[in-house]
């Protein structure tokens, strides 16, 4: 995740599921620090679901890489 370098806009760039998870964590931490978690319970729930979806996408990517490596190893053994 990188800070947005465009002077006309503010915010962060989201380029991966890890960036989404990091932003969700930052916002949730702010809400708990300000002790407004009851007031924002619905929003916190949505952010947690977003965090989980980002985590799932990273894990699927990891599984795909592992599966590809196993398939390549198997194909190498069959030749």
PDB file of N, CA and C in Angstrom:
ATOM      1  N   UNK A   1       0.858  -1.164   0.000  1.00  0.00           N
ATOM      2  CA  UNK A   1       0.000   0.000   0.000  1.00  0.00           C
ATOM      3  C   UNK A   1       0.897   1.216   0.000  1.00  0.00           C
ATOM      4  N   UNK A   2       0.545   2.182  -0.816  1.00  0.00           N
ATOM      5  CA  UNK A   2       1.342   3.395  -0.870  1.00  0.00           C
ATOM      6  C   UNK A   2       0.447   4.607  -0.743  1.00  0.00           C
ATOM      7  N   UNK A   3       1.025   5.652  -0.217  1.00  0.00           N
ATOM      8  CA  UNK A   3       0.280   6.899  -0.108  1.00  0.00           C
ATOM      9  C   UNK A   3       0.085   7.455  -1.513  1.00  0.00           C
ATOM     10  N   UNK A   4      -1.068   8.009  -1.760  1.00  0.00           N
ATOM     11  CA  UNK A   4      -1.392   8.568  -3.055  1.00  0.00           C
ATOM     12  C   UNK A   4      -0.530   9.804  -3.308  1.00  0.00           C
ATOM     13  N   UNK A   5       0.226   9.823  -4.388  1.00  0.00           N
ATOM     14  CA  UNK A   5       1.143  10.919  -4.698  1.00  0.00           C
ATOM     15  C   UNK A   5       0.465  12.035  -5.505  1.00  0.00           C
ATOM     16  N   UNK A   6      -0.769  11.837  -5.933  1.00  0.00           N
ATOM     17  CA  UNK A   6      -1.486  12.832  -6.715  1.00  0.00           C
ATOM     18  C   UNK A   6      -1.941  13.955  -5.796  1.00  0.00           C
ATOM     19  N   UNK A   7      -1.460  15.187  -6.014  1.00  0.00           N
ATOM     20  CA  UNK A   7      -1.800  16.281  -5.091  1.00  0.00           C
ATOM     21  C   UNK A   7      -3.281  16.668  -5.125  1.00  0.00           C
ATOM     22  N   UNK A   8      -4.017  16.316  -6.164  1.00  0.00           N
ATOM     23  CA  UNK A   8      -5.421  16.691  -6.277  1.00  0.00           C
ATOM     24  C   UNK A   8      -6.329  15.770  -5.478  1.00  0.00           C
ATOM     25  N   UNK A   9      -5.865  14.586  -5.181  1.00  0.00           N
ATOM     26  CA  UNK A   9      -6.683  13.628  -4.431  1.00  0.00           C
ATOM     27  C   UNK A   9      -5.977  13.241  -3.149  1.00  0.00           C
ATOM     28  N   UNK A  10      -6.739  12.695  -2.217  1.00  0.00           N
ATOM     29  CA  UNK A  10      -6.159  12.273  -0.957  1.00  0.00           C
ATOM     30  C   UNK A  10      -6.474  10.801  -0.767  1.00  0.00           C
ATOM     31  N   UNK A  11      -5.702  10.164   0.080  1.00  0.00           N
ATOM     32  CA  UNK A  11      -6.015   8.783   0.401  1.00  0.00           C
ATOM     33  C   UNK A  11      -4.862   7.845   0.138  1.00  0.00           C
ATOM     34  N   UNK A  12      -5.220   6.592  -0.062  1.00  0.00           N
ATOM     35  CA  UNK A  12      -4.233   5.548  -0.294  1.00  0.00           C
ATOM     36  C   UNK A  12      -4.587   4.785  -1.559  1.00  0.00           C
ATOM     37  N   UNK A  13      -3.622   4.146  -2.118  1.00  0.00           N
ATOM     38  CA  UNK A  13      -3.836   3.296  -3.281  1.00  0.00           C
ATOM     39  C   UNK A  13      -4.067   1.870  -2.817  1.00  0.00           C
ATOM     40  N   UNK A  14      -5.054   1.237  -3.407  1.00  0.00           N
ATOM     41  CA  UNK A  14      -5.347  -0.162  -3.077  1.00  0.00           C
ATOM     42  C   UNK A  14      -4.948  -0.998  -4.277  1.00  0.00           C
ATOM     43  N   UNK A  15      -3.941  -1.840  -4.054  1.00  0.00           N
ATOM     44  CA  UNK A  15      -3.421  -2.646  -5.148  1.00  0.00           C
ATOM     45  C   UNK A  15      -3.502  -4.147  -4.877  1.00  0.00           C
ATOM     46  N   UNK A  16      -3.829  -4.519  -3.653  1.00  0.00           N
ATOM     47  CA  UNK A  16      -3.879  -5.935  -3.319  1.00  0.00           C
ATOM     48  C   UNK A  16      -4.843  -6.169  -2.155  1.00  0.00           C
ATOM     49  N   UNK A  17      -5.253  -7.418  -1.936  1.00  0.00           N
ATOM     50  CA  UNK A  17      -6.096  -7.718  -0.771  1.00  0.00           C
ATOM     51  C   UNK A  17      -5.429  -7.314   0.548  1.00  0.00           C
ATOM     52  N   UNK A  18      -4.108  -7.379   0.599  1.00  0.00           N
ATOM     53  CA  UNK A  18      -3.405  -6.979   1.825  1.00  0.00           C
ATOM     54  C   UNK A  18      -3.624  -5.493   2.116  1.00  0.00           C
ATOM     55  N   UNK A  19      -3.679  -4.673   1.059  1.00  0.00           N
ATOM     56  CA  UNK A  19      -3.946  -3.248   1.244  1.00  0.00           C
ATOM     57  C   UNK A  19      -5.338  -3.027   1.821  1.00  0.00           C
ATOM     58  N   UNK A  20      -6.314  -3.767   1.324  1.00  0.00           N
ATOM     59  CA  UNK A  20      -7.687  -3.661   1.831  1.00  0.00           C
ATOM     60  C   UNK A  20      -7.723  -4.043   3.301  1.00  0.00           C
ATOM     61  N   UNK A  21      -7.053  -5.129   3.649  1.00  0.00           N
ATOM     62  CA  UNK A  21      -7.026  -5.577   5.043  1.00  0.00           C
ATOM     63  C   UNK A  21      -6.360  -4.534   5.936  1.00  0.00           C
ATOM     64  N   UNK A  22      -5.275  -3.944   5.473  1.00  0.00           N
ATOM     65  CA  UNK A  22      -4.553  -2.951   6.257  1.00  0.00           C
ATOM     66  C   UNK A  22      -5.423  -1.719   6.515  1.00  0.00           C
ATOM     67  N   UNK A  23      -6.149  -1.262   5.502  1.00  0.00           N
ATOM     68  CA  UNK A  23      -7.023  -0.108   5.662  1.00  0.00           C
ATOM     69  C   UNK A  23      -8.150  -0.423   6.636  1.00  0.00           C
ATOM     70  N   UNK A  24      -8.763  -1.607   6.495  1.00  0.00           N
ATOM     71  CA  UNK A  24      -9.837  -2.002   7.416  1.00  0.00           C
ATOM     72  C   UNK A  24      -9.327  -2.031   8.853  1.00  0.00           C
ATOM     73  N   UNK A  25      -8.142  -2.567   9.055  1.00  0.00           N
ATOM     74  CA  UNK A  25      -7.561  -2.608  10.408  1.00  0.00           C
ATOM     75  C   UNK A  25      -7.336  -1.210  10.951  1.00  0.00           C
ATOM     76  N   UNK A  26      -6.857  -0.324  10.121  1.00  0.00           N
ATOM     77  CA  UNK A  26      -6.594   1.047  10.552  1.00  0.00           C
ATOM     78  C   UNK A  26      -7.887   1.727  11.008  1.00  0.00           C
ATOM     79  N   UNK A  27      -8.954   1.569  10.227  1.00  0.00           N
ATOM     80  CA  UNK A  27     -10.230   2.202  10.566  1.00  0.00           C
ATOM     81  C   UNK A  27     -10.813   1.591  11.828  1.00  0.00           C
ATOM     82  N   UNK A  28     -10.778   0.273  11.934  1.00  0.00           N
ATOM     83  CA  UNK A  28     -11.315  -0.394  13.128  1.00  0.00           C
ATOM     84  C   UNK A  28     -10.535   0.040  14.370  1.00  0.00           C
ATOM     85  N   UNK A  29      -9.230   0.146  14.252  1.00  0.00           N
ATOM     86  CA  UNK A  29      -8.420   0.604  15.392  1.00  0.00           C
ATOM     87  C   UNK A  29      -8.811   2.013  15.823  1.00  0.00           C
ATOM     88  N   UNK A  30      -9.049   2.889  14.845  1.00  0.00           N
ATOM     89  CA  UNK A  30      -9.472   4.257  15.162  1.00  0.00           C
ATOM     90  C   UNK A  30     -10.800   4.267  15.908  1.00  0.00           C
ATOM     91  N   UNK A  31     -11.741   3.448  15.466  1.00  0.00           N
ATOM     92  CA  UNK A  31     -13.063   3.393  16.102  1.00  0.00           C
ATOM     93  C   UNK A  31     -12.935   2.906  17.545  1.00  0.00           C
ATOM     94  N   UNK A  32     -12.142   1.884  17.768  1.00  0.00           N
ATOM     95  CA  UNK A  32     -11.972   1.374  19.132  1.00  0.00           C
ATOM     96  C   UNK A  32     -11.191   2.349  20.006  1.00  0.00           C
ATOM     97  N   UNK A  33     -10.231   3.035  19.428  1.00  0.00           N
ATOM     98  CA  UNK A  33      -9.476   4.036  20.181  1.00  0.00           C
ATOM     99  C   UNK A  33     -10.396   5.164  20.648  1.00  0.00           C
ATOM    100  N   UNK A  34     -11.316   5.554  19.767  1.00  0.00           N
ATOM    101  CA  UNK A  34     -12.261   6.627  20.103  1.00  0.00           C
ATOM    102  C   UNK A  34     -13.445   6.126  20.929  1.00  0.00           C
ATOM    103  N   UNK A  35     -13.477   4.831  21.209  1.00  0.00           N
ATOM    104  CA  UNK A  35     -14.539   4.189  21.989  1.00  0.00           C
ATOM    105  C   UNK A  35     -15.924   4.461  21.400  1.00  0.00           C
ATOM    106  N   UNK A  36     -16.033   4.343  20.080  1.00  0.00           N
ATOM    107  CA  UNK A  36     -17.313   4.528  19.398  1.00  0.00           C
ATOM    108  C   UNK A  36     -17.767   3.239  18.719  1.00  0.00           C
ATOM    109  N   UNK A  37     -17.276   2.093  19.234  1.00  0.00           N
ATOM    110  CA  UNK A  37     -17.583   0.828  18.596  1.00  0.00           C
ATOM    111  C   UNK A  37     -19.068   0.485  18.605  1.00  0.00           C
ATOM    112  N   UNK A  38     -19.801   0.876  19.651  1.00  0.00           N
ATOM    113  CA  UNK A  38     -21.239   0.589  19.687  1.00  0.00           C
ATOM    114  C   UNK A  38     -21.948   1.424  18.622  1.00  0.00           C
ATOM    115  N   UNK A  39     -21.587   2.671  18.531  1.00  0.00           N
ATOM    116  CA  UNK A  39     -22.192   3.573  17.552  1.00  0.00           C
ATOM    117  C   UNK A  39     -21.944   3.093  16.116  1.00  0.00           C
ATOM    118  N   UNK A  40     -20.771   2.525  15.879  1.00  0.00           N
ATOM    119  CA  UNK A  40     -20.390   2.098  14.536  1.00  0.00           C
ATOM    120  C   UNK A  40     -20.364   0.581  14.378  1.00  0.00           C
ATOM    121  N   UNK A  41     -21.143  -0.131  15.142  1.00  0.00           N
ATOM    122  CA  UNK A  41     -21.108  -1.599  15.125  1.00  0.00           C
ATOM    123  C   UNK A  41     -21.362  -2.163  13.726  1.00  0.00           C
ATOM    124  N   UNK A  42     -22.340  -1.628  13.020  1.00  0.00           N
ATOM    125  CA  UNK A  42     -22.646  -2.109  11.675  1.00  0.00           C
ATOM    126  C   UNK A  42     -21.494  -1.882  10.713  1.00  0.00           C
ATOM    127  N   UNK A  43     -20.868  -0.721  10.815  1.00  0.00           N
ATOM    128  CA  UNK A  43     -19.737  -0.410   9.946  1.00  0.00           C
ATOM    129  C   UNK A  43     -18.532  -1.287  10.278  1.00  0.00           C
ATOM    130  N   UNK A  44     -18.339  -1.533  11.571  1.00  0.00           N
ATOM    131  CA  UNK A  44     -17.239  -2.416  11.979  1.00  0.00           C
ATOM    132  C   UNK A  44     -17.461  -3.813  11.418  1.00  0.00           C
ATOM    133  N   UNK A  45     -18.701  -4.294  11.502  1.00  0.00           N
ATOM    134  CA  UNK A  45     -19.019  -5.610  10.962  1.00  0.00           C
ATOM    135  C   UNK A  45     -18.701  -5.665   9.471  1.00  0.00           C
ATOM    136  N   UNK A  46     -19.088  -4.645   8.731  1.00  0.00           N
ATOM    137  CA  UNK A  46     -18.811  -4.614   7.289  1.00  0.00           C
ATOM    138  C   UNK A  46     -17.308  -4.593   7.025  1.00  0.00           C
ATOM    139  N   UNK A  47     -16.565  -3.823   7.810  1.00  0.00           N
ATOM    140  CA  UNK A  47     -15.111  -3.788   7.642  1.00  0.00           C
ATOM    141  C   UNK A  47     -14.477  -5.136   7.959  1.00  0.00           C
ATOM    142  N   UNK A  48     -14.991  -5.812   8.980  1.00  0.00           N
ATOM    143  CA  UNK A  48     -14.458  -7.138   9.309  1.00  0.00           C
ATOM    144  C   UNK A  48     -14.737  -8.130   8.188  1.00  0.00           C
ATOM    145  N   UNK A  49     -15.909  -8.054   7.593  1.00  0.00           N
ATOM    146  CA  UNK A  49     -16.224  -8.922   6.455  1.00  0.00           C
ATOM    147  C   UNK A  49     -15.312  -8.608   5.269  1.00  0.00           C
ATOM    148  N   UNK A  50     -15.025  -7.336   5.067  1.00  0.00           N
ATOM    149  CA  UNK A  50     -14.104  -6.933   4.004  1.00  0.00           C
ATOM    150  C   UNK A  50     -12.707  -7.470   4.279  1.00  0.00           C
ATOM    151  N   UNK A  51     -12.270  -7.380   5.545  1.00  0.00           N
ATOM    152  CA  UNK A  51     -10.959  -7.903   5.927  1.00  0.00           C
ATOM    153  C   UNK A  51     -10.886  -9.400   5.645  1.00  0.00           C
ATOM    154  N   UNK A  52     -11.942 -10.115   6.038  1.00  0.00           N
ATOM    155  CA  UNK A  52     -11.953 -11.564   5.822  1.00  0.00           C
ATOM    156  C   UNK A  52     -11.922 -11.915   4.339  1.00  0.00           C
ATOM    157  N   UNK A  53     -12.651 -11.189   3.518  1.00  0.00           N
ATOM    158  CA  UNK A  53     -12.648 -11.454   2.077  1.00  0.00           C
ATOM    159  C   UNK A  53     -11.248 -11.219   1.504  1.00  0.00           C
ATOM    160  N   UNK A  54     -10.577 -10.170   1.950  1.00  0.00           N
ATOM    161  CA  UNK A  54      -9.204  -9.932   1.508  1.00  0.00           C
ATOM    162  C   UNK A  54      -8.277 -11.062   1.916  1.00  0.00           C
ATOM    163  N   UNK A  55      -8.458 -11.551   3.132  1.00  0.00           N
ATOM    164  CA  UNK A  55      -7.642 -12.668   3.620  1.00  0.00           C
ATOM    165  C   UNK A  55      -7.911 -13.918   2.784  1.00  0.00           C
ATOM    166  N   UNK A  56      -9.194 -14.176   2.486  1.00  0.00           N
ATOM    167  CA  UNK A  56      -9.545 -15.335   1.664  1.00  0.00           C
ATOM    168  C   UNK A  56      -8.894 -15.251   0.286  1.00  0.00           C
ATOM    169  N   UNK A  57      -8.916 -14.069  -0.316  1.00  0.00           N
ATOM    170  CA  UNK A  57      -8.320 -13.907  -1.637  1.00  0.00           C
ATOM    171  C   UNK A  57      -6.818 -14.157  -1.608  1.00  0.00           C
ATOM    172  N   UNK A  58      -6.154 -13.730  -0.554  1.00  0.00           N
ATOM    173  CA  UNK A  58      -4.725 -14.012  -0.437  1.00  0.00           C
ATOM    174  C   UNK A  58      -4.476 -15.500  -0.285  1.00  0.00           C
ATOM    175  N   UNK A  59      -5.297 -16.180   0.498  1.00  0.00           N
ATOM    176  CA  UNK A  59      -5.117 -17.614   0.719  1.00  0.00           C
ATOM    177  C   UNK A  59      -5.379 -18.397  -0.563  1.00  0.00           C
ATOM    178  N   UNK A  60      -6.396 -18.002  -1.329  1.00  0.00           N
ATOM    179  CA  UNK A  60      -6.680 -18.673  -2.601  1.00  0.00           C
ATOM    180  C   UNK A  60      -5.478 -18.529  -3.525  1.00  0.00           C
ATOM    181  N   UNK A  61      -4.891 -17.347  -3.552  1.00  0.00           N
ATOM    182  CA  UNK A  61      -3.703 -17.125  -4.372  1.00  0.00           C
ATOM    183  C   UNK A  61      -2.558 -18.034  -3.922  1.00  0.00           C
ATOM    184  N   UNK A  62      -2.371 -18.177  -2.605  1.00  0.00           N
ATOM    185  CA  UNK A  62      -1.341 -19.066  -2.071  1.00  0.00           C
ATOM    186  C   UNK A  62      -1.605 -20.513  -2.484  1.00  0.00           C
ATOM    187  N   UNK A  63      -2.865 -20.945  -2.374  1.00  0.00           N
ATOM    188  CA  UNK A  63      -3.220 -22.317  -2.742  1.00  0.00           C
ATOM    189  C   UNK A  63      -2.982 -22.564  -4.228  1.00  0.00           C
ATOM    190  N   UNK A  64      -3.307 -21.578  -5.060  1.00  0.00           N
ATOM    191  CA  UNK A  64      -3.074 -21.733  -6.491  1.00  0.00           C
ATOM    192  C   UNK A  64      -1.593 -21.907  -6.791  1.00  0.00           C
ATOM    193  N   UNK A  65      -0.742 -21.139  -6.131  1.00  0.00           N
ATOM    194  CA  UNK A  65       0.698 -21.254  -6.334  1.00  0.00           C
ATOM    195  C   UNK A  65       1.206 -22.617  -5.891  1.00  0.00           C
ATOM    196  N   UNK A  66       0.724 -23.086  -4.748  1.00  0.00           N
ATOM    197  CA  UNK A  66       1.150 -24.397  -4.248  1.00  0.00           C
ATOM    198  C   UNK A  66       0.685 -25.515  -5.173  1.00  0.00           C
ATOM    199  N   UNK A  67      -0.558 -25.399  -5.652  1.00  0.00           N
ATOM    200  CA  UNK A  67      -1.082 -26.414  -6.556  1.00  0.00           C
ATOM    201  C   UNK A  67      -0.284 -26.445  -7.848  1.00  0.00           C
ATOM    202  N   UNK A  68       0.046 -25.298  -8.372  1.00  0.00           N
ATOM    203  CA  UNK A  68       0.836 -25.228  -9.589  1.00  0.00           C
ATOM    204  C   UNK A  68       2.211 -25.876  -9.378  1.00  0.00           C
ATOM    205  N   UNK A  69       2.837 -25.616  -8.239  1.00  0.00           N
ATOM    206  CA  UNK A  69       4.143 -26.212  -7.948  1.00  0.00           C
ATOM    207  C   UNK A  69       4.030 -27.732  -7.836  1.00  0.00           C
ATOM    208  N   UNK A  70       2.970 -28.216  -7.191  1.00  0.00           N
ATOM    209  CA  UNK A  70       2.765 -29.667  -7.084  1.00  0.00           C
ATOM    210  C   UNK A  70       2.531 -30.291  -8.452  1.00  0.00           C
ATOM    211  N   UNK A  71       1.743 -29.635  -9.278  1.00  0.00           N
ATOM    212  CA  UNK A  71       1.487 -30.167 -10.613  1.00  0.00           C
ATOM    213  C   UNK A  71       2.753 -30.197 -11.449  1.00  0.00           C
ATOM    214  N   UNK A  72       3.589 -29.164 -11.323  1.00  0.00           N
ATOM    215  CA  UNK A  72       4.837 -29.148 -12.078  1.00  0.00           C
ATOM    216  C   UNK A  72       5.774 -30.234 -11.586  1.00  0.00           C
ATOM    217  N   UNK A  73       5.817 -30.456 -10.258  1.00  0.00           N
ATOM    218  CA  UNK A  73       6.666 -31.509  -9.702  1.00  0.00           C
ATOM    219  C   UNK A  73       6.168 -32.880 -10.162  1.00  0.00           C
ATOM    220  N   UNK A  74       4.869 -33.074 -10.179  1.00  0.00           N
ATOM    221  CA  UNK A  74       4.292 -34.344 -10.620  1.00  0.00           C
ATOM    222  C   UNK A  74       4.604 -34.582 -12.092  1.00  0.00           C
ATOM    223  N   UNK A  75       4.440 -33.533 -12.917  1.00  0.00           N
ATOM    224  CA  UNK A  75       4.723 -33.671 -14.346  1.00  0.00           C
ATOM    225  C   UNK A  75       6.191 -33.973 -14.579  1.00  0.00           C
ATOM    226  N   UNK A  76       7.079 -33.408 -13.769  1.00  0.00           N
ATOM    227  CA  UNK A  76       8.501 -33.680 -13.888  1.00  0.00           C
ATOM    228  C   UNK A  76       8.834 -35.105 -13.539  1.00  0.00           C
ATOM    229  N   UNK A  77       8.102 -35.695 -12.597  1.00  0.00           N
ATOM    230  CA  UNK A  77       8.347 -37.072 -12.190  1.00  0.00           C
ATOM    231  C   UNK A  77       7.790 -38.066 -13.209  1.00  0.00           C
ATOM    232  N   UNK A  78       6.776 -37.673 -13.946  1.00  0.00           N
ATOM    233  CA  UNK A  78       6.142 -38.568 -14.908  1.00  0.00           C
ATOM    234  C   UNK A  78       6.920 -38.664 -16.184  1.00  0.00           C
ATOM    235  N   UNK A  79       7.838 -37.750 -16.450  1.00  0.00           N
ATOM    236  CA  UNK A  79       8.609 -37.768 -17.705  1.00  0.00           C
ATOM    237  C   UNK A  79       9.781 -38.678 -17.625  1.00  0.00           C
TER     238      UNK A  79
END
